[in-house]
Amino acid sequence: MFRRKCKVTFICHGSTINSEENRFYDDESHPPLNENGKIEMEKISKWLRAKGLKTDVLYSCSALRCVQSSRIISQYLNADYKVIDSLRSRKAGLWSGLTFEQIEVKYPSELDKYHSDRKNFWVEGGENTDELNKRVSAALSKLVEENVGKRIIIVTHPEVIQSAVATALSIPVENQFKIYIPQGSATQISYYQGWSSLVYSAYLPL
C-alpha cells in the first residue's frame, strides 16, 4: 500500500474587484476581499468545518486577499495560520492591472507571442509559466517535507493552484491555463514519494 507523505488542501482566496473584472494583477497589498469574496470564504469555511477535515497546519500566502481569507477560515476551524511568501501570485509585469481586453489592445504582439509559447514567454517584468512552475514546485516540495504525515491547508492564488495541479498530473504547460480554479474553491492533492494524486479540484460549496 502506498504511504502518503502529506495531504494538501488548497483554498483559492475569495473574490476581489480585480478578479471579478478578470484583471492580471500581482500587487500583494491590494485589493482586499470584496463582499462577495467574504461570502465565498464563509461558505468554504463552513464546508471545511462540517467536513471535519483534520488540519495540522494552515498556511496563507502573504497577499492581503489571502490573509483575509485565511483569517475567516481560522475562525471557523479555531486554528492559527502561518503567513508565507513563497506561494505568492504570478508576477504580471507590464500586464499587471490590465484586463484581457486591454492587453489585446495595448500589447497585441506580446499577446500573440504568449499564445505561441505559453511556457517561455511573458512580458517584461513578469514571470513566464516555466518560472512560475519551478517556483511553486520548489515551495510545495519544501512544505511537504516539513509536514510529512500531516494534513495541511494552503490559501493562495488561482495560478499557483493551477501550477500545483498541472505538476501533479503532468499536464503540458501549453494546457495549464485550461485548469479552472475559481475564487473561493477547494482543491486537494495527496503527495507520495516521487508522485502525487489529485483528489478533487475546484470544489465550490453550495
N, C-alpha and C. Protein backbone atom coordinates (compact mmCIF):
# COMPACT_ATOMS: atom_id res chain seq x y z
N MET A 1 0.84 -1.20 0.00
CA MET A 1 0.00 0.00 0.00
C MET A 1 0.88 1.25 0.00
N PHE A 2 0.47 2.26 -0.76
CA PHE A 2 1.27 3.47 -0.85
C PHE A 2 1.19 4.27 0.45
N ARG A 3 2.33 4.79 0.88
CA ARG A 3 2.38 5.60 2.09
C ARG A 3 2.39 7.08 1.71
N ARG A 4 1.33 7.78 2.08
CA ARG A 4 1.24 9.20 1.74
C ARG A 4 2.18 10.02 2.61
N LYS A 5 2.85 11.00 1.98
CA LYS A 5 3.73 11.88 2.74
C LYS A 5 2.95 13.04 3.34
N CYS A 6 2.06 13.62 2.55
CA CYS A 6 1.34 14.81 3.01
C CYS A 6 0.11 15.03 2.15
N LYS A 7 -0.99 15.44 2.78
CA LYS A 7 -2.19 15.79 2.03
C LYS A 7 -2.37 17.30 2.13
N VAL A 8 -2.51 17.94 0.97
CA VAL A 8 -2.63 19.40 0.92
C VAL A 8 -3.99 19.80 0.35
N THR A 9 -4.72 20.60 1.09
CA THR A 9 -5.95 21.19 0.58
C THR A 9 -5.66 22.65 0.24
N PHE A 10 -5.74 22.96 -1.04
CA PHE A 10 -5.52 24.33 -1.50
C PHE A 10 -6.85 25.08 -1.50
N ILE A 11 -6.87 26.25 -0.91
CA ILE A 11 -8.04 27.11 -0.95
C ILE A 11 -7.69 28.36 -1.75
N CYS A 12 -8.47 28.61 -2.79
CA CYS A 12 -8.26 29.83 -3.58
C CYS A 12 -8.90 31.00 -2.85
N HIS A 13 -8.16 32.07 -2.67
CA HIS A 13 -8.68 33.24 -1.95
C HIS A 13 -10.01 33.72 -2.54
N GLY A 14 -10.76 34.46 -1.74
CA GLY A 14 -12.05 34.97 -2.19
C GLY A 14 -11.93 36.06 -3.24
N SER A 15 -13.04 36.42 -3.83
CA SER A 15 -13.07 37.40 -4.91
C SER A 15 -12.68 38.81 -4.45
N THR A 16 -12.09 39.54 -5.38
CA THR A 16 -11.77 40.95 -5.20
C THR A 16 -12.31 41.70 -6.41
N ILE A 17 -12.23 43.00 -6.39
CA ILE A 17 -12.70 43.77 -7.54
C ILE A 17 -11.89 43.41 -8.78
N ASN A 18 -10.61 43.11 -8.62
CA ASN A 18 -9.77 42.77 -9.77
C ASN A 18 -10.12 41.40 -10.35
N SER A 19 -10.37 40.43 -9.50
CA SER A 19 -10.69 39.10 -10.01
C SER A 19 -12.04 39.10 -10.70
N GLU A 20 -12.98 39.88 -10.20
CA GLU A 20 -14.30 39.93 -10.83
C GLU A 20 -14.25 40.67 -12.17
N GLU A 21 -13.26 41.55 -12.33
CA GLU A 21 -13.08 42.24 -13.61
C GLU A 21 -12.11 41.50 -14.52
N ASN A 22 -11.62 40.34 -14.05
CA ASN A 22 -10.70 39.49 -14.83
C ASN A 22 -9.43 40.25 -15.20
N ARG A 23 -8.82 40.87 -14.20
CA ARG A 23 -7.58 41.61 -14.42
C ARG A 23 -6.37 40.78 -14.01
N PHE A 24 -5.29 40.93 -14.76
CA PHE A 24 -4.00 40.39 -14.34
C PHE A 24 -3.48 41.32 -13.25
N TYR A 25 -3.06 40.76 -12.12
CA TYR A 25 -2.52 41.62 -11.08
C TYR A 25 -1.63 40.84 -10.14
N ASP A 26 -0.60 41.50 -9.62
CA ASP A 26 0.33 40.83 -8.72
C ASP A 26 0.62 41.65 -7.47
N ASP A 27 -0.15 42.71 -7.24
CA ASP A 27 0.03 43.53 -6.05
C ASP A 27 -0.37 42.72 -4.82
N GLU A 28 0.54 42.57 -3.87
CA GLU A 28 0.27 41.78 -2.68
C GLU A 28 -0.51 42.56 -1.62
N SER A 29 -0.48 43.88 -1.70
CA SER A 29 -1.14 44.69 -0.67
C SER A 29 -2.54 45.16 -1.06
N HIS A 30 -2.93 44.93 -2.30
CA HIS A 30 -4.22 45.42 -2.80
C HIS A 30 -4.66 44.54 -3.97
N PRO A 31 -5.95 44.34 -4.19
CA PRO A 31 -7.09 44.83 -3.40
C PRO A 31 -7.47 43.85 -2.29
N PRO A 32 -8.30 44.28 -1.36
CA PRO A 32 -8.82 43.39 -0.33
C PRO A 32 -9.97 42.56 -0.88
N LEU A 33 -10.45 41.62 -0.10
CA LEU A 33 -11.65 40.88 -0.48
C LEU A 33 -12.82 41.85 -0.59
N ASN A 34 -13.69 41.63 -1.58
CA ASN A 34 -14.93 42.40 -1.62
C ASN A 34 -16.00 41.60 -0.87
N GLU A 35 -17.23 42.10 -0.86
CA GLU A 35 -18.27 41.44 -0.09
C GLU A 35 -18.55 40.02 -0.60
N ASN A 36 -18.49 39.86 -1.92
CA ASN A 36 -18.70 38.53 -2.49
C ASN A 36 -17.59 37.57 -2.06
N GLY A 37 -16.36 38.11 -2.00
CA GLY A 37 -15.23 37.29 -1.57
C GLY A 37 -15.37 36.84 -0.13
N LYS A 38 -15.88 37.70 0.72
CA LYS A 38 -16.09 37.32 2.13
C LYS A 38 -17.15 36.24 2.25
N ILE A 39 -18.20 36.35 1.43
CA ILE A 39 -19.26 35.33 1.44
C ILE A 39 -18.70 33.99 0.97
N GLU A 40 -17.86 34.02 -0.09
CA GLU A 40 -17.25 32.80 -0.60
C GLU A 40 -16.41 32.11 0.48
N MET A 41 -15.66 32.90 1.23
CA MET A 41 -14.80 32.31 2.26
C MET A 41 -15.62 31.81 3.46
N GLU A 42 -16.72 32.45 3.74
CA GLU A 42 -17.61 31.95 4.78
C GLU A 42 -18.14 30.58 4.37
N LYS A 43 -18.53 30.44 3.10
CA LYS A 43 -19.08 29.17 2.62
C LYS A 43 -18.05 28.05 2.67
N ILE A 44 -16.83 28.33 2.19
CA ILE A 44 -15.80 27.29 2.17
C ILE A 44 -15.37 26.95 3.59
N SER A 45 -15.40 27.92 4.49
CA SER A 45 -15.03 27.67 5.88
C SER A 45 -16.06 26.78 6.56
N LYS A 46 -17.33 27.05 6.31
CA LYS A 46 -18.40 26.22 6.89
C LYS A 46 -18.31 24.79 6.34
N TRP A 47 -17.97 24.67 5.06
CA TRP A 47 -17.82 23.34 4.46
C TRP A 47 -16.65 22.59 5.08
N LEU A 48 -15.52 23.28 5.28
CA LEU A 48 -14.36 22.64 5.89
C LEU A 48 -14.68 22.16 7.30
N ARG A 49 -15.39 22.99 8.05
CA ARG A 49 -15.75 22.61 9.42
C ARG A 49 -16.73 21.44 9.43
N ALA A 50 -17.74 21.50 8.56
CA ALA A 50 -18.74 20.42 8.52
C ALA A 50 -18.13 19.11 8.05
N LYS A 51 -17.13 19.20 7.16
CA LYS A 51 -16.47 18.01 6.64
C LYS A 51 -15.62 17.33 7.71
N GLY A 52 -15.29 18.09 8.75
CA GLY A 52 -14.45 17.54 9.81
C GLY A 52 -13.05 17.25 9.34
N LEU A 53 -12.57 18.06 8.38
CA LEU A 53 -11.25 17.85 7.80
C LEU A 53 -10.17 18.09 8.84
N LYS A 54 -9.39 17.05 9.14
CA LYS A 54 -8.29 17.19 10.09
C LYS A 54 -7.22 18.09 9.48
N THR A 55 -6.87 19.13 10.20
CA THR A 55 -5.87 20.07 9.70
C THR A 55 -4.78 20.28 10.74
N ASP A 56 -3.55 19.96 10.35
CA ASP A 56 -2.42 20.14 11.26
C ASP A 56 -1.83 21.54 11.18
N VAL A 57 -1.80 22.09 9.97
CA VAL A 57 -1.23 23.43 9.77
C VAL A 57 -2.03 24.17 8.71
N LEU A 58 -2.28 25.44 8.95
CA LEU A 58 -2.94 26.32 7.97
C LEU A 58 -1.94 27.38 7.54
N TYR A 59 -1.64 27.40 6.23
CA TYR A 59 -0.71 28.37 5.67
C TYR A 59 -1.47 29.39 4.83
N SER A 60 -0.96 30.62 4.83
CA SER A 60 -1.54 31.67 3.99
C SER A 60 -0.44 32.37 3.21
N CYS A 61 -0.68 32.58 1.93
CA CYS A 61 0.19 33.47 1.16
C CYS A 61 0.15 34.84 1.83
N SER A 62 1.20 35.61 1.67
CA SER A 62 1.31 36.90 2.36
C SER A 62 0.43 38.00 1.76
N ALA A 63 -0.19 37.76 0.61
CA ALA A 63 -1.04 38.78 -0.01
C ALA A 63 -2.24 39.08 0.89
N LEU A 64 -2.65 40.33 0.90
CA LEU A 64 -3.76 40.77 1.74
C LEU A 64 -5.00 39.91 1.53
N ARG A 65 -5.35 39.66 0.27
CA ARG A 65 -6.56 38.90 -0.04
C ARG A 65 -6.49 37.47 0.50
N CYS A 66 -5.28 36.91 0.56
CA CYS A 66 -5.11 35.56 1.11
C CYS A 66 -5.15 35.58 2.63
N VAL A 67 -4.52 36.57 3.22
CA VAL A 67 -4.52 36.69 4.68
C VAL A 67 -5.94 36.91 5.20
N GLN A 68 -6.70 37.76 4.51
CA GLN A 68 -8.09 37.98 4.91
C GLN A 68 -8.90 36.68 4.79
N SER A 69 -8.66 35.92 3.73
CA SER A 69 -9.34 34.65 3.54
C SER A 69 -8.95 33.66 4.64
N SER A 70 -7.67 33.60 4.96
CA SER A 70 -7.17 32.69 5.99
C SER A 70 -7.74 33.05 7.36
N ARG A 71 -7.89 34.33 7.60
CA ARG A 71 -8.43 34.77 8.89
C ARG A 71 -9.85 34.24 9.09
N ILE A 72 -10.64 34.27 8.03
CA ILE A 72 -12.01 33.75 8.12
C ILE A 72 -12.00 32.25 8.37
N ILE A 73 -11.14 31.53 7.61
CA ILE A 73 -11.04 30.08 7.79
C ILE A 73 -10.58 29.73 9.20
N SER A 74 -9.58 30.45 9.69
CA SER A 74 -9.03 30.14 11.01
C SER A 74 -10.07 30.32 12.11
N GLN A 75 -10.96 31.27 11.93
CA GLN A 75 -12.01 31.49 12.93
C GLN A 75 -12.96 30.31 12.98
N TYR A 76 -13.30 29.76 11.82
CA TYR A 76 -14.22 28.62 11.76
C TYR A 76 -13.57 27.33 12.23
N LEU A 77 -12.27 27.17 11.94
CA LEU A 77 -11.58 25.94 12.32
C LEU A 77 -10.90 26.06 13.68
N ASN A 78 -10.96 27.26 14.25
CA ASN A 78 -10.31 27.51 15.54
C ASN A 78 -8.84 27.11 15.48
N ALA A 79 -8.17 27.60 14.43
CA ALA A 79 -6.76 27.26 14.21
C ALA A 79 -6.00 28.50 13.77
N ASP A 80 -4.77 28.63 14.23
CA ASP A 80 -3.92 29.74 13.79
C ASP A 80 -3.43 29.48 12.37
N TYR A 81 -2.95 30.52 11.71
CA TYR A 81 -2.38 30.35 10.38
C TYR A 81 -0.98 30.96 10.33
N LYS A 82 -0.15 30.39 9.46
CA LYS A 82 1.21 30.86 9.26
C LYS A 82 1.30 31.56 7.92
N VAL A 83 1.87 32.74 7.87
CA VAL A 83 1.99 33.50 6.63
C VAL A 83 3.32 33.16 5.95
N ILE A 84 3.24 32.81 4.66
CA ILE A 84 4.43 32.51 3.87
C ILE A 84 4.38 33.35 2.58
N ASP A 85 5.55 33.62 2.00
CA ASP A 85 5.57 34.42 0.77
C ASP A 85 6.04 33.61 -0.45
N SER A 86 6.31 32.33 -0.26
CA SER A 86 6.84 31.51 -1.36
C SER A 86 5.77 31.14 -2.39
N LEU A 87 4.49 31.25 -2.02
CA LEU A 87 3.41 30.91 -2.96
C LEU A 87 2.62 32.16 -3.33
N ARG A 88 3.35 33.24 -3.57
CA ARG A 88 2.73 34.50 -3.98
C ARG A 88 2.17 34.38 -5.40
N SER A 89 1.43 35.39 -5.80
CA SER A 89 0.83 35.38 -7.14
C SER A 89 1.89 35.51 -8.23
N ARG A 90 1.51 35.16 -9.43
CA ARG A 90 2.41 35.27 -10.57
C ARG A 90 2.79 36.73 -10.82
N LYS A 91 4.05 36.98 -11.10
CA LYS A 91 4.48 38.33 -11.44
C LYS A 91 3.93 38.68 -12.82
N ALA A 92 3.08 39.68 -12.87
CA ALA A 92 2.40 40.01 -14.13
C ALA A 92 3.17 41.00 -15.00
N GLY A 93 4.13 41.69 -14.42
CA GLY A 93 4.92 42.63 -15.21
C GLY A 93 4.09 43.75 -15.81
N LEU A 94 4.32 44.04 -17.09
CA LEU A 94 3.62 45.13 -17.77
C LEU A 94 2.12 44.91 -17.88
N TRP A 95 1.69 43.68 -17.70
CA TRP A 95 0.25 43.38 -17.80
C TRP A 95 -0.50 43.57 -16.48
N SER A 96 0.23 43.83 -15.42
CA SER A 96 -0.41 43.96 -14.12
C SER A 96 -1.42 45.10 -14.11
N GLY A 97 -2.62 44.82 -13.63
CA GLY A 97 -3.68 45.82 -13.55
C GLY A 97 -4.54 45.93 -14.79
N LEU A 98 -4.21 45.16 -15.83
CA LEU A 98 -4.95 45.24 -17.09
C LEU A 98 -5.91 44.06 -17.25
N THR A 99 -7.03 44.32 -17.90
CA THR A 99 -7.94 43.24 -18.27
C THR A 99 -7.42 42.59 -19.55
N PHE A 100 -7.94 41.42 -19.86
CA PHE A 100 -7.53 40.73 -21.08
C PHE A 100 -7.84 41.58 -22.30
N GLU A 101 -8.99 42.26 -22.28
CA GLU A 101 -9.38 43.12 -23.40
C GLU A 101 -8.42 44.28 -23.56
N GLN A 102 -7.96 44.85 -22.46
CA GLN A 102 -7.00 45.96 -22.53
C GLN A 102 -5.64 45.48 -23.06
N ILE A 103 -5.26 44.27 -22.67
CA ILE A 103 -4.00 43.71 -23.17
C ILE A 103 -4.07 43.49 -24.67
N GLU A 104 -5.21 43.01 -25.17
CA GLU A 104 -5.38 42.79 -26.60
C GLU A 104 -5.17 44.08 -27.39
N VAL A 105 -5.60 45.21 -26.80
CA VAL A 105 -5.48 46.49 -27.48
C VAL A 105 -4.07 47.08 -27.33
N LYS A 106 -3.53 47.02 -26.11
CA LYS A 106 -2.27 47.70 -25.80
C LYS A 106 -1.03 46.88 -26.15
N TYR A 107 -1.12 45.54 -26.03
CA TYR A 107 0.05 44.69 -26.28
C TYR A 107 -0.31 43.51 -27.19
N PRO A 108 -0.82 43.77 -28.38
CA PRO A 108 -1.25 42.67 -29.26
C PRO A 108 -0.12 41.75 -29.70
N SER A 109 1.05 42.30 -30.00
CA SER A 109 2.15 41.45 -30.46
C SER A 109 2.67 40.58 -29.32
N GLU A 110 2.74 41.14 -28.11
CA GLU A 110 3.20 40.37 -26.95
C GLU A 110 2.21 39.25 -26.63
N LEU A 111 0.92 39.55 -26.80
CA LEU A 111 -0.10 38.55 -26.53
C LEU A 111 0.00 37.40 -27.53
N ASP A 112 0.28 37.72 -28.78
CA ASP A 112 0.47 36.68 -29.80
C ASP A 112 1.67 35.79 -29.45
N LYS A 113 2.74 36.41 -28.96
CA LYS A 113 3.93 35.64 -28.57
C LYS A 113 3.60 34.71 -27.41
N TYR A 114 2.80 35.20 -26.48
CA TYR A 114 2.42 34.36 -25.33
C TYR A 114 1.59 33.16 -25.80
N HIS A 115 0.64 33.40 -26.69
CA HIS A 115 -0.20 32.31 -27.19
C HIS A 115 0.63 31.26 -27.93
N SER A 116 1.72 31.68 -28.58
CA SER A 116 2.53 30.74 -29.35
C SER A 116 3.60 30.04 -28.49
N ASP A 117 3.87 30.59 -27.32
CA ASP A 117 4.88 29.98 -26.45
C ASP A 117 4.50 30.23 -24.99
N ARG A 118 3.51 29.48 -24.50
CA ARG A 118 2.99 29.68 -23.14
C ARG A 118 4.00 29.29 -22.06
N LYS A 119 4.97 28.49 -22.41
CA LYS A 119 5.94 28.05 -21.43
C LYS A 119 7.00 29.12 -21.14
N ASN A 120 7.55 29.72 -22.19
CA ASN A 120 8.72 30.57 -22.02
C ASN A 120 8.50 32.07 -22.16
N PHE A 121 7.34 32.47 -22.71
CA PHE A 121 7.17 33.92 -22.94
C PHE A 121 6.25 34.55 -21.91
N TRP A 122 6.67 35.70 -21.43
CA TRP A 122 5.82 36.62 -20.66
C TRP A 122 6.39 38.00 -20.87
N VAL A 123 5.59 39.02 -20.62
CA VAL A 123 6.04 40.38 -20.88
C VAL A 123 7.09 40.82 -19.87
N GLU A 124 7.75 41.93 -20.19
CA GLU A 124 8.81 42.47 -19.35
C GLU A 124 8.36 42.63 -17.89
N GLY A 125 9.21 42.18 -17.00
CA GLY A 125 8.92 42.32 -15.58
C GLY A 125 8.03 41.22 -15.02
N GLY A 126 7.62 40.29 -15.90
CA GLY A 126 6.71 39.23 -15.47
C GLY A 126 7.41 37.90 -15.29
N GLU A 127 6.63 36.88 -15.04
CA GLU A 127 7.13 35.54 -14.75
C GLU A 127 6.49 34.56 -15.72
N ASN A 128 7.30 33.94 -16.58
CA ASN A 128 6.70 33.00 -17.53
C ASN A 128 6.23 31.74 -16.81
N THR A 129 5.50 30.89 -17.50
CA THR A 129 4.88 29.74 -16.86
C THR A 129 5.91 28.75 -16.36
N ASP A 130 7.00 28.59 -17.08
CA ASP A 130 8.05 27.69 -16.63
C ASP A 130 8.66 28.18 -15.32
N GLU A 131 8.91 29.47 -15.22
CA GLU A 131 9.46 30.05 -13.99
C GLU A 131 8.47 29.91 -12.83
N LEU A 132 7.20 30.16 -13.13
CA LEU A 132 6.15 30.01 -12.12
C LEU A 132 6.12 28.58 -11.59
N ASN A 133 6.13 27.61 -12.49
CA ASN A 133 6.03 26.20 -12.09
C ASN A 133 7.23 25.75 -11.26
N LYS A 134 8.41 26.21 -11.63
CA LYS A 134 9.61 25.85 -10.87
C LYS A 134 9.54 26.44 -9.47
N ARG A 135 9.09 27.68 -9.36
CA ARG A 135 8.98 28.33 -8.04
C ARG A 135 7.96 27.62 -7.17
N VAL A 136 6.79 27.35 -7.74
CA VAL A 136 5.71 26.71 -6.98
C VAL A 136 6.12 25.29 -6.59
N SER A 137 6.72 24.55 -7.51
CA SER A 137 7.14 23.18 -7.23
C SER A 137 8.15 23.13 -6.09
N ALA A 138 9.11 24.05 -6.11
CA ALA A 138 10.13 24.09 -5.06
C ALA A 138 9.51 24.44 -3.71
N ALA A 139 8.58 25.40 -3.71
CA ALA A 139 7.94 25.81 -2.47
C ALA A 139 7.09 24.68 -1.89
N LEU A 140 6.35 23.97 -2.74
CA LEU A 140 5.50 22.88 -2.27
C LEU A 140 6.34 21.70 -1.78
N SER A 141 7.41 21.41 -2.47
CA SER A 141 8.29 20.32 -2.05
C SER A 141 8.83 20.58 -0.65
N LYS A 142 9.19 21.83 -0.39
CA LYS A 142 9.71 22.21 0.92
C LYS A 142 8.62 22.06 1.99
N LEU A 143 7.40 22.51 1.69
CA LEU A 143 6.31 22.42 2.66
C LEU A 143 5.94 20.96 2.93
N VAL A 144 5.94 20.13 1.88
CA VAL A 144 5.63 18.72 2.06
C VAL A 144 6.67 18.05 2.97
N GLU A 145 7.94 18.34 2.72
CA GLU A 145 9.00 17.74 3.53
C GLU A 145 8.92 18.21 4.99
N GLU A 146 8.45 19.42 5.19
CA GLU A 146 8.32 19.96 6.55
C GLU A 146 7.08 19.43 7.27
N ASN A 147 6.19 18.80 6.51
CA ASN A 147 4.92 18.35 7.08
C ASN A 147 4.61 16.89 6.75
N VAL A 148 5.62 16.06 6.76
CA VAL A 148 5.43 14.64 6.47
C VAL A 148 4.47 14.03 7.50
N GLY A 149 3.47 13.32 7.00
CA GLY A 149 2.49 12.68 7.87
C GLY A 149 1.36 13.59 8.30
N LYS A 150 1.35 14.82 7.78
CA LYS A 150 0.34 15.79 8.20
C LYS A 150 -0.64 16.12 7.07
N ARG A 151 -1.71 16.80 7.45
CA ARG A 151 -2.69 17.34 6.50
C ARG A 151 -2.68 18.85 6.67
N ILE A 152 -2.44 19.54 5.60
CA ILE A 152 -2.32 20.99 5.69
C ILE A 152 -3.27 21.69 4.72
N ILE A 153 -3.56 22.93 5.03
CA ILE A 153 -4.35 23.80 4.15
C ILE A 153 -3.46 24.95 3.72
N ILE A 154 -3.50 25.28 2.43
CA ILE A 154 -2.75 26.42 1.91
C ILE A 154 -3.72 27.35 1.20
N VAL A 155 -3.79 28.60 1.64
CA VAL A 155 -4.63 29.60 0.99
C VAL A 155 -3.74 30.42 0.05
N THR A 156 -4.06 30.37 -1.22
CA THR A 156 -3.18 31.02 -2.19
C THR A 156 -3.98 31.47 -3.41
N HIS A 157 -3.30 31.61 -4.56
CA HIS A 157 -3.87 32.21 -5.76
C HIS A 157 -4.24 31.18 -6.82
N PRO A 158 -5.16 31.53 -7.74
CA PRO A 158 -5.58 30.58 -8.78
C PRO A 158 -4.42 30.02 -9.60
N GLU A 159 -3.50 30.90 -10.03
CA GLU A 159 -2.42 30.44 -10.89
C GLU A 159 -1.44 29.52 -10.15
N VAL A 160 -1.31 29.71 -8.84
CA VAL A 160 -0.46 28.82 -8.05
C VAL A 160 -1.09 27.43 -7.96
N ILE A 161 -2.41 27.38 -7.75
CA ILE A 161 -3.10 26.10 -7.67
C ILE A 161 -3.12 25.42 -9.04
N GLN A 162 -3.30 26.19 -10.10
CA GLN A 162 -3.18 25.64 -11.46
C GLN A 162 -1.84 24.94 -11.64
N SER A 163 -0.79 25.60 -11.20
CA SER A 163 0.56 25.07 -11.32
C SER A 163 0.70 23.77 -10.54
N ALA A 164 0.16 23.74 -9.32
CA ALA A 164 0.24 22.53 -8.49
C ALA A 164 -0.49 21.36 -9.15
N VAL A 165 -1.67 21.62 -9.70
CA VAL A 165 -2.45 20.57 -10.35
C VAL A 165 -1.74 20.08 -11.62
N ALA A 166 -1.23 21.03 -12.41
CA ALA A 166 -0.55 20.66 -13.65
C ALA A 166 0.67 19.79 -13.37
N THR A 167 1.41 20.15 -12.33
CA THR A 167 2.59 19.36 -11.96
C THR A 167 2.19 17.99 -11.45
N ALA A 168 1.14 17.93 -10.62
CA ALA A 168 0.69 16.66 -10.05
C ALA A 168 0.25 15.68 -11.13
N LEU A 169 -0.39 16.19 -12.18
CA LEU A 169 -0.93 15.33 -13.24
C LEU A 169 -0.09 15.32 -14.51
N SER A 170 1.07 15.97 -14.46
CA SER A 170 1.97 16.05 -15.63
C SER A 170 1.24 16.62 -16.84
N ILE A 171 0.44 17.66 -16.62
CA ILE A 171 -0.28 18.34 -17.70
C ILE A 171 0.70 19.25 -18.44
N PRO A 172 0.76 19.18 -19.76
CA PRO A 172 1.68 20.04 -20.52
C PRO A 172 1.46 21.52 -20.23
N VAL A 173 2.53 22.25 -20.22
CA VAL A 173 2.47 23.68 -19.90
C VAL A 173 1.49 24.43 -20.81
N GLU A 174 1.44 24.05 -22.08
CA GLU A 174 0.57 24.77 -23.01
C GLU A 174 -0.91 24.57 -22.68
N ASN A 175 -1.22 23.58 -21.86
CA ASN A 175 -2.62 23.33 -21.48
C ASN A 175 -2.93 23.74 -20.04
N GLN A 176 -1.95 24.22 -19.34
CA GLN A 176 -2.11 24.54 -17.92
C GLN A 176 -3.18 25.61 -17.67
N PHE A 177 -3.28 26.58 -18.59
CA PHE A 177 -4.23 27.66 -18.41
C PHE A 177 -5.68 27.17 -18.45
N LYS A 178 -5.90 25.95 -18.95
CA LYS A 178 -7.25 25.40 -19.07
C LYS A 178 -7.78 24.84 -17.74
N ILE A 179 -6.91 24.74 -16.75
CA ILE A 179 -7.33 24.23 -15.44
C ILE A 179 -8.14 25.32 -14.74
N TYR A 180 -9.39 25.01 -14.44
CA TYR A 180 -10.31 26.00 -13.87
C TYR A 180 -10.19 26.02 -12.35
N ILE A 181 -9.78 27.16 -11.80
CA ILE A 181 -9.67 27.33 -10.36
C ILE A 181 -10.41 28.63 -9.98
N PRO A 182 -11.68 28.54 -9.61
CA PRO A 182 -12.43 29.74 -9.25
C PRO A 182 -12.11 30.23 -7.84
N GLN A 183 -12.39 31.52 -7.60
CA GLN A 183 -12.20 32.08 -6.27
C GLN A 183 -13.10 31.35 -5.27
N GLY A 184 -12.58 31.14 -4.07
CA GLY A 184 -13.36 30.50 -3.02
C GLY A 184 -13.53 29.01 -3.18
N SER A 185 -12.68 28.37 -3.99
CA SER A 185 -12.80 26.93 -4.24
C SER A 185 -11.73 26.15 -3.48
N ALA A 186 -11.96 24.84 -3.38
CA ALA A 186 -11.02 23.93 -2.72
C ALA A 186 -10.50 22.90 -3.71
N THR A 187 -9.21 22.62 -3.63
CA THR A 187 -8.55 21.61 -4.45
C THR A 187 -7.64 20.81 -3.53
N GLN A 188 -7.67 19.49 -3.66
CA GLN A 188 -6.85 18.67 -2.76
C GLN A 188 -5.92 17.74 -3.53
N ILE A 189 -4.67 17.70 -3.09
CA ILE A 189 -3.65 16.84 -3.70
C ILE A 189 -2.96 16.04 -2.60
N SER A 190 -2.81 14.74 -2.82
CA SER A 190 -2.05 13.89 -1.91
C SER A 190 -0.66 13.69 -2.51
N TYR A 191 0.36 13.90 -1.68
CA TYR A 191 1.75 13.78 -2.13
C TYR A 191 2.37 12.51 -1.56
N TYR A 192 2.95 11.71 -2.46
CA TYR A 192 3.62 10.48 -2.09
C TYR A 192 5.11 10.60 -2.45
N GLN A 193 5.87 9.57 -2.20
CA GLN A 193 7.29 9.60 -2.55
C GLN A 193 7.45 9.50 -4.06
N GLY A 194 7.81 10.60 -4.70
CA GLY A 194 8.07 10.59 -6.14
C GLY A 194 6.87 10.82 -7.03
N TRP A 195 5.66 10.93 -6.45
CA TRP A 195 4.49 11.18 -7.29
C TRP A 195 3.38 11.79 -6.44
N SER A 196 2.34 12.22 -7.10
CA SER A 196 1.22 12.86 -6.39
C SER A 196 -0.09 12.52 -7.08
N SER A 197 -1.19 12.70 -6.35
CA SER A 197 -2.50 12.32 -6.86
C SER A 197 -3.51 13.44 -6.58
N LEU A 198 -4.26 13.82 -7.60
CA LEU A 198 -5.31 14.82 -7.42
C LEU A 198 -6.54 14.13 -6.85
N VAL A 199 -7.00 14.60 -5.69
CA VAL A 199 -8.17 14.02 -5.03
C VAL A 199 -9.44 14.68 -5.56
N TYR A 200 -9.47 16.00 -5.58
CA TYR A 200 -10.56 16.75 -6.21
C TYR A 200 -10.06 18.15 -6.55
N SER A 201 -10.78 18.83 -7.43
CA SER A 201 -10.33 20.14 -7.88
C SER A 201 -11.49 21.10 -8.06
N ALA A 202 -11.26 22.37 -7.72
CA ALA A 202 -12.21 23.46 -7.97
C ALA A 202 -13.57 23.22 -7.33
N TYR A 203 -13.59 22.62 -6.14
CA TYR A 203 -14.86 22.37 -5.46
C TYR A 203 -15.41 23.68 -4.89
N LEU A 204 -16.66 23.95 -5.19
CA LEU A 204 -17.35 25.13 -4.66
C LEU A 204 -18.55 24.67 -3.84
N PRO A 205 -18.58 24.94 -2.54
CA PRO A 205 -19.73 24.55 -1.73
C PRO A 205 -20.97 25.34 -2.13
N LEU A 206 -22.13 24.73 -1.99
CA LEU A 206 -23.39 25.40 -2.35
C LEU A 206 -23.74 26.45 -1.32
